């Protein structure tokens, strides 16, 4: 798959934006894990992310691509995300916002 900056940005924009966080910097993947725009393919970061094709046998077109935390993936056989990392909401009420994003292992 040829990945240029325009494709990275377009896939980034498919991530879930969250109230109270700058969507140009922070989004969440399908597992709810925090990802940082600047940490694309950064394996040393808690917020590193990658581009995953979620349609088996389909071309690497934008409609088939999703952003995922580097430790998360998509289980094509079961058509659902495979989550190893999600957002850490320890100590927060369901309606409370997050001041500083953190992730936790599932």
N, C-alpha and C. Protein backbone atom coordinates (compact mmCIF):
# COMPACT_ATOMS: atom_id res chain seq x y z
N UNK A 1 0.84 -1.18 0.00
CA UNK A 1 0.00 0.00 0.00
C UNK A 1 0.89 1.24 0.00
N UNK A 2 0.63 2.13 -0.92
CA UNK A 2 1.33 3.39 -0.97
C UNK A 2 0.63 4.37 -0.04
N UNK A 3 1.40 4.87 0.92
CA UNK A 3 0.81 5.78 1.90
C UNK A 3 1.48 7.14 1.79
N UNK A 4 0.69 8.13 1.41
CA UNK A 4 1.22 9.49 1.39
C UNK A 4 0.53 10.29 2.49
N UNK A 5 0.97 11.49 2.70
CA UNK A 5 0.45 12.33 3.78
C UNK A 5 -1.04 12.60 3.65
N UNK A 6 -1.53 12.72 2.43
CA UNK A 6 -2.97 12.95 2.23
C UNK A 6 -3.79 11.75 2.69
N UNK A 7 -3.32 10.54 2.41
CA UNK A 7 -4.03 9.34 2.85
C UNK A 7 -3.97 9.21 4.37
N UNK A 8 -2.82 9.48 4.95
CA UNK A 8 -2.70 9.43 6.41
C UNK A 8 -3.71 10.38 7.05
N UNK A 9 -3.80 11.60 6.54
CA UNK A 9 -4.73 12.58 7.10
C UNK A 9 -6.18 12.13 6.92
N UNK A 10 -6.51 11.59 5.75
CA UNK A 10 -7.88 11.15 5.48
C UNK A 10 -8.28 10.00 6.41
N UNK A 11 -7.37 9.07 6.65
CA UNK A 11 -7.66 7.96 7.57
C UNK A 11 -7.75 8.49 9.00
N UNK A 12 -6.86 9.40 9.37
CA UNK A 12 -6.90 10.02 10.69
C UNK A 12 -8.28 10.61 10.97
N UNK A 13 -8.85 11.27 10.01
CA UNK A 13 -10.14 11.92 10.18
C UNK A 13 -11.28 10.93 10.37
N UNK A 14 -11.04 9.66 10.11
CA UNK A 14 -12.05 8.63 10.35
C UNK A 14 -12.05 8.16 11.80
N UNK A 15 -11.03 8.55 12.57
CA UNK A 15 -10.99 8.24 14.00
C UNK A 15 -12.06 9.01 14.73
N UNK A 16 -12.45 8.52 15.89
CA UNK A 16 -13.52 9.14 16.67
C UNK A 16 -13.01 10.38 17.41
N UNK A 17 -13.60 11.52 17.12
CA UNK A 17 -13.29 12.74 17.85
C UNK A 17 -14.02 12.73 19.19
N UNK A 18 -13.48 13.41 20.18
CA UNK A 18 -14.05 13.41 21.52
C UNK A 18 -14.19 14.85 22.01
N UNK A 19 -15.33 15.17 22.59
CA UNK A 19 -15.52 16.50 23.16
C UNK A 19 -14.44 16.79 24.20
N UNK A 20 -13.95 17.98 24.19
CA UNK A 20 -12.94 18.38 25.17
C UNK A 20 -11.52 18.09 24.72
N UNK A 21 -11.35 17.44 23.58
CA UNK A 21 -10.01 17.17 23.06
C UNK A 21 -9.89 17.76 21.65
N UNK A 22 -8.73 18.28 21.34
CA UNK A 22 -8.45 18.86 20.03
C UNK A 22 -8.42 17.73 19.00
N UNK A 23 -9.42 17.69 18.10
CA UNK A 23 -9.50 16.59 17.14
C UNK A 23 -8.39 16.63 16.09
N UNK A 24 -7.67 17.72 16.01
CA UNK A 24 -6.53 17.74 15.09
C UNK A 24 -5.34 17.00 15.71
N UNK A 25 -5.35 16.80 17.03
CA UNK A 25 -4.27 16.10 17.74
C UNK A 25 -4.70 14.76 18.32
N UNK A 26 -5.92 14.66 18.86
CA UNK A 26 -6.37 13.45 19.56
C UNK A 26 -7.62 12.86 18.93
N UNK A 27 -7.61 11.56 18.77
CA UNK A 27 -8.79 10.80 18.34
C UNK A 27 -8.74 9.45 19.05
N UNK A 28 -9.80 8.68 18.87
CA UNK A 28 -9.83 7.33 19.41
C UNK A 28 -10.09 6.35 18.27
N UNK A 29 -9.50 5.15 18.39
CA UNK A 29 -9.74 4.12 17.38
C UNK A 29 -11.03 3.38 17.70
N UNK A 30 -11.35 2.32 16.97
CA UNK A 30 -12.59 1.59 17.18
C UNK A 30 -12.63 0.88 18.53
N UNK A 31 -11.49 0.72 19.17
CA UNK A 31 -11.43 0.10 20.50
C UNK A 31 -11.54 1.15 21.60
N UNK A 32 -11.49 2.42 21.22
CA UNK A 32 -11.53 3.49 22.21
C UNK A 32 -10.15 3.93 22.67
N UNK A 33 -9.09 3.33 22.13
CA UNK A 33 -7.72 3.71 22.51
C UNK A 33 -7.39 5.08 21.95
N UNK A 34 -6.69 5.88 22.75
CA UNK A 34 -6.26 7.20 22.32
C UNK A 34 -5.14 7.07 21.30
N UNK A 35 -5.23 7.85 20.23
CA UNK A 35 -4.15 7.95 19.26
C UNK A 35 -3.86 9.42 19.02
N UNK A 36 -2.60 9.71 18.75
CA UNK A 36 -2.15 11.09 18.52
C UNK A 36 -1.76 11.25 17.06
N UNK A 37 -2.23 12.29 16.42
CA UNK A 37 -1.96 12.52 15.00
C UNK A 37 -0.46 12.48 14.71
N UNK A 38 0.33 13.07 15.57
CA UNK A 38 1.77 13.17 15.34
C UNK A 38 2.50 11.85 15.59
N UNK A 39 1.80 10.84 16.11
CA UNK A 39 2.46 9.58 16.47
C UNK A 39 2.17 8.45 15.47
N UNK A 40 1.82 8.81 14.23
CA UNK A 40 1.58 7.80 13.21
C UNK A 40 2.81 6.91 13.05
N UNK A 41 2.61 5.60 13.16
CA UNK A 41 3.66 4.58 13.03
C UNK A 41 4.79 4.72 14.06
N UNK A 42 4.55 5.37 15.18
CA UNK A 42 5.56 5.54 16.22
C UNK A 42 5.39 4.45 17.28
N UNK A 43 6.15 3.39 17.17
CA UNK A 43 6.04 2.23 18.08
C UNK A 43 6.52 2.55 19.49
N UNK A 44 7.22 3.65 19.69
CA UNK A 44 7.73 4.00 21.01
C UNK A 44 6.74 4.84 21.82
N UNK A 45 5.62 5.19 21.19
CA UNK A 45 4.65 6.06 21.85
C UNK A 45 3.44 5.29 22.35
N UNK A 46 2.93 5.70 23.50
CA UNK A 46 1.68 5.15 24.03
C UNK A 46 0.51 5.45 23.08
N UNK A 47 0.67 6.44 22.22
CA UNK A 47 -0.41 6.90 21.36
C UNK A 47 -0.14 6.62 19.87
N UNK A 48 0.82 5.73 19.59
CA UNK A 48 1.14 5.39 18.21
C UNK A 48 -0.02 4.70 17.52
N UNK A 49 -0.13 4.88 16.22
CA UNK A 49 -1.23 4.29 15.47
C UNK A 49 -0.80 3.88 14.08
N UNK A 50 -1.66 3.07 13.45
CA UNK A 50 -1.39 2.54 12.12
C UNK A 50 -2.67 2.57 11.30
N UNK A 51 -2.52 2.29 10.02
CA UNK A 51 -3.66 2.20 9.12
C UNK A 51 -3.93 0.73 8.84
N UNK A 52 -5.19 0.32 9.01
CA UNK A 52 -5.58 -1.08 8.83
C UNK A 52 -6.69 -1.19 7.79
N UNK A 53 -6.53 -2.14 6.86
CA UNK A 53 -7.58 -2.44 5.90
C UNK A 53 -8.56 -3.39 6.58
N UNK A 54 -9.81 -2.98 6.73
CA UNK A 54 -10.81 -3.76 7.47
C UNK A 54 -11.75 -4.56 6.56
N UNK A 55 -11.48 -4.57 5.28
CA UNK A 55 -12.31 -5.32 4.32
C UNK A 55 -11.45 -6.40 3.68
N UNK A 56 -11.70 -7.67 3.98
CA UNK A 56 -10.86 -8.75 3.45
C UNK A 56 -10.88 -8.79 1.92
N UNK A 57 -9.68 -8.90 1.34
CA UNK A 57 -9.57 -9.01 -0.11
C UNK A 57 -9.87 -7.74 -0.87
N UNK A 58 -10.15 -6.66 -0.16
CA UNK A 58 -10.48 -5.39 -0.82
C UNK A 58 -9.23 -4.56 -1.03
N UNK A 59 -9.26 -3.68 -2.02
CA UNK A 59 -8.10 -2.83 -2.25
C UNK A 59 -7.91 -1.83 -1.11
N UNK A 60 -6.71 -1.31 -1.04
CA UNK A 60 -6.39 -0.34 0.00
C UNK A 60 -6.90 1.05 -0.37
N UNK A 61 -8.20 1.16 -0.53
CA UNK A 61 -8.85 2.45 -0.80
C UNK A 61 -9.33 3.03 0.52
N UNK A 62 -9.50 4.32 0.57
CA UNK A 62 -9.88 5.01 1.80
C UNK A 62 -11.09 4.39 2.48
N UNK A 63 -12.11 3.99 1.72
CA UNK A 63 -13.32 3.46 2.34
C UNK A 63 -13.07 2.15 3.09
N UNK A 64 -11.96 1.48 2.82
CA UNK A 64 -11.63 0.21 3.48
C UNK A 64 -10.63 0.37 4.62
N UNK A 65 -10.16 1.58 4.87
CA UNK A 65 -9.09 1.82 5.83
C UNK A 65 -9.60 2.51 7.09
N UNK A 66 -9.01 2.13 8.22
CA UNK A 66 -9.36 2.71 9.52
C UNK A 66 -8.09 2.94 10.33
N UNK A 67 -8.09 3.95 11.22
CA UNK A 67 -6.95 4.14 12.12
C UNK A 67 -7.08 3.23 13.34
N UNK A 68 -5.99 2.59 13.73
CA UNK A 68 -5.97 1.74 14.91
C UNK A 68 -4.71 2.01 15.72
N UNK A 69 -4.85 1.98 17.04
CA UNK A 69 -3.69 2.01 17.93
C UNK A 69 -2.75 0.89 17.48
N UNK A 70 -1.45 1.09 17.62
CA UNK A 70 -0.48 0.10 17.14
C UNK A 70 -0.67 -1.28 17.76
N UNK A 71 -1.23 -1.38 18.95
CA UNK A 71 -1.42 -2.68 19.58
C UNK A 71 -2.79 -3.28 19.29
N UNK A 72 -3.66 -2.54 18.66
CA UNK A 72 -4.99 -3.03 18.29
C UNK A 72 -5.00 -3.42 16.82
N UNK A 73 -6.00 -4.17 16.44
CA UNK A 73 -6.11 -4.61 15.05
C UNK A 73 -7.56 -4.88 14.71
N UNK A 74 -7.81 -5.40 13.54
CA UNK A 74 -9.17 -5.73 13.13
C UNK A 74 -9.22 -7.21 12.79
N UNK A 75 -10.15 -7.93 13.41
CA UNK A 75 -10.34 -9.36 13.19
C UNK A 75 -11.27 -9.50 11.99
N UNK A 76 -10.69 -9.69 10.82
CA UNK A 76 -11.46 -9.75 9.58
C UNK A 76 -12.43 -10.93 9.59
N UNK A 77 -12.00 -12.08 10.13
CA UNK A 77 -12.85 -13.28 10.14
C UNK A 77 -14.15 -13.05 10.91
N UNK A 78 -14.08 -12.30 12.01
CA UNK A 78 -15.26 -12.04 12.84
C UNK A 78 -15.85 -10.65 12.61
N UNK A 79 -15.24 -9.87 11.71
CA UNK A 79 -15.72 -8.54 11.36
C UNK A 79 -15.89 -7.63 12.57
N UNK A 80 -14.84 -7.61 13.43
CA UNK A 80 -14.88 -6.73 14.60
C UNK A 80 -13.46 -6.38 15.04
N UNK A 81 -13.31 -5.29 15.77
CA UNK A 81 -11.98 -4.91 16.25
C UNK A 81 -11.43 -5.93 17.24
N UNK A 82 -10.11 -6.09 17.21
CA UNK A 82 -9.41 -6.92 18.20
C UNK A 82 -8.65 -5.94 19.10
N UNK A 83 -9.13 -5.79 20.32
CA UNK A 83 -8.64 -4.73 21.20
C UNK A 83 -7.70 -5.26 22.28
N UNK A 84 -6.49 -4.72 22.29
CA UNK A 84 -5.53 -4.99 23.36
C UNK A 84 -5.35 -3.76 24.24
N UNK A 85 -5.70 -2.59 23.67
CA UNK A 85 -5.53 -1.32 24.38
C UNK A 85 -6.81 -0.51 24.21
N UNK A 86 -7.23 0.14 25.28
CA UNK A 86 -8.40 1.02 25.23
C UNK A 86 -8.11 2.24 26.11
N UNK A 87 -9.01 3.22 26.07
CA UNK A 87 -8.82 4.42 26.89
C UNK A 87 -8.94 4.07 28.36
N UNK A 88 -8.11 4.66 29.17
CA UNK A 88 -8.17 4.47 30.62
C UNK A 88 -9.12 5.50 31.20
N UNK A 89 -10.24 5.03 31.72
CA UNK A 89 -11.24 5.91 32.33
C UNK A 89 -11.37 5.62 33.82
N UNK A 90 -10.34 5.04 34.41
CA UNK A 90 -10.37 4.70 35.82
C UNK A 90 -10.68 5.94 36.65
N UNK A 91 -11.67 5.81 37.51
CA UNK A 91 -12.02 6.90 38.40
C UNK A 91 -12.90 7.97 37.79
N UNK A 92 -13.34 7.79 36.55
CA UNK A 92 -14.18 8.79 35.91
C UNK A 92 -15.62 8.29 35.79
N UNK A 93 -16.55 9.17 35.99
CA UNK A 93 -17.95 8.86 35.75
C UNK A 93 -18.15 8.75 34.24
N UNK A 94 -19.14 8.00 33.77
CA UNK A 94 -19.34 7.85 32.32
C UNK A 94 -19.51 9.16 31.56
N UNK A 95 -20.05 10.17 32.21
CA UNK A 95 -20.28 11.44 31.52
C UNK A 95 -19.13 12.42 31.67
N UNK A 96 -18.12 12.09 32.46
CA UNK A 96 -16.98 12.99 32.68
C UNK A 96 -16.04 12.97 31.49
N UNK A 97 -15.44 14.12 31.21
CA UNK A 97 -14.43 14.22 30.17
C UNK A 97 -13.06 13.86 30.71
N UNK A 98 -12.12 13.68 29.81
CA UNK A 98 -10.76 13.32 30.15
C UNK A 98 -9.90 14.56 30.04
N UNK A 99 -9.14 14.88 31.09
CA UNK A 99 -8.24 16.02 31.01
C UNK A 99 -7.02 15.69 30.16
N UNK A 100 -6.34 14.60 30.49
CA UNK A 100 -5.18 14.15 29.75
C UNK A 100 -5.42 12.72 29.29
N UNK A 101 -5.38 12.45 28.00
CA UNK A 101 -5.62 11.10 27.51
C UNK A 101 -4.60 10.08 28.03
N UNK A 102 -5.07 8.90 28.41
CA UNK A 102 -4.23 7.78 28.82
C UNK A 102 -4.83 6.51 28.29
N UNK A 103 -3.99 5.53 28.01
CA UNK A 103 -4.43 4.23 27.56
C UNK A 103 -4.11 3.19 28.62
N UNK A 104 -4.77 2.03 28.52
CA UNK A 104 -4.51 0.93 29.42
C UNK A 104 -4.64 -0.37 28.64
N UNK A 105 -3.90 -1.39 29.05
CA UNK A 105 -4.03 -2.70 28.42
C UNK A 105 -5.33 -3.35 28.85
N UNK A 106 -5.94 -4.09 27.92
CA UNK A 106 -7.21 -4.76 28.20
C UNK A 106 -6.92 -6.08 28.89
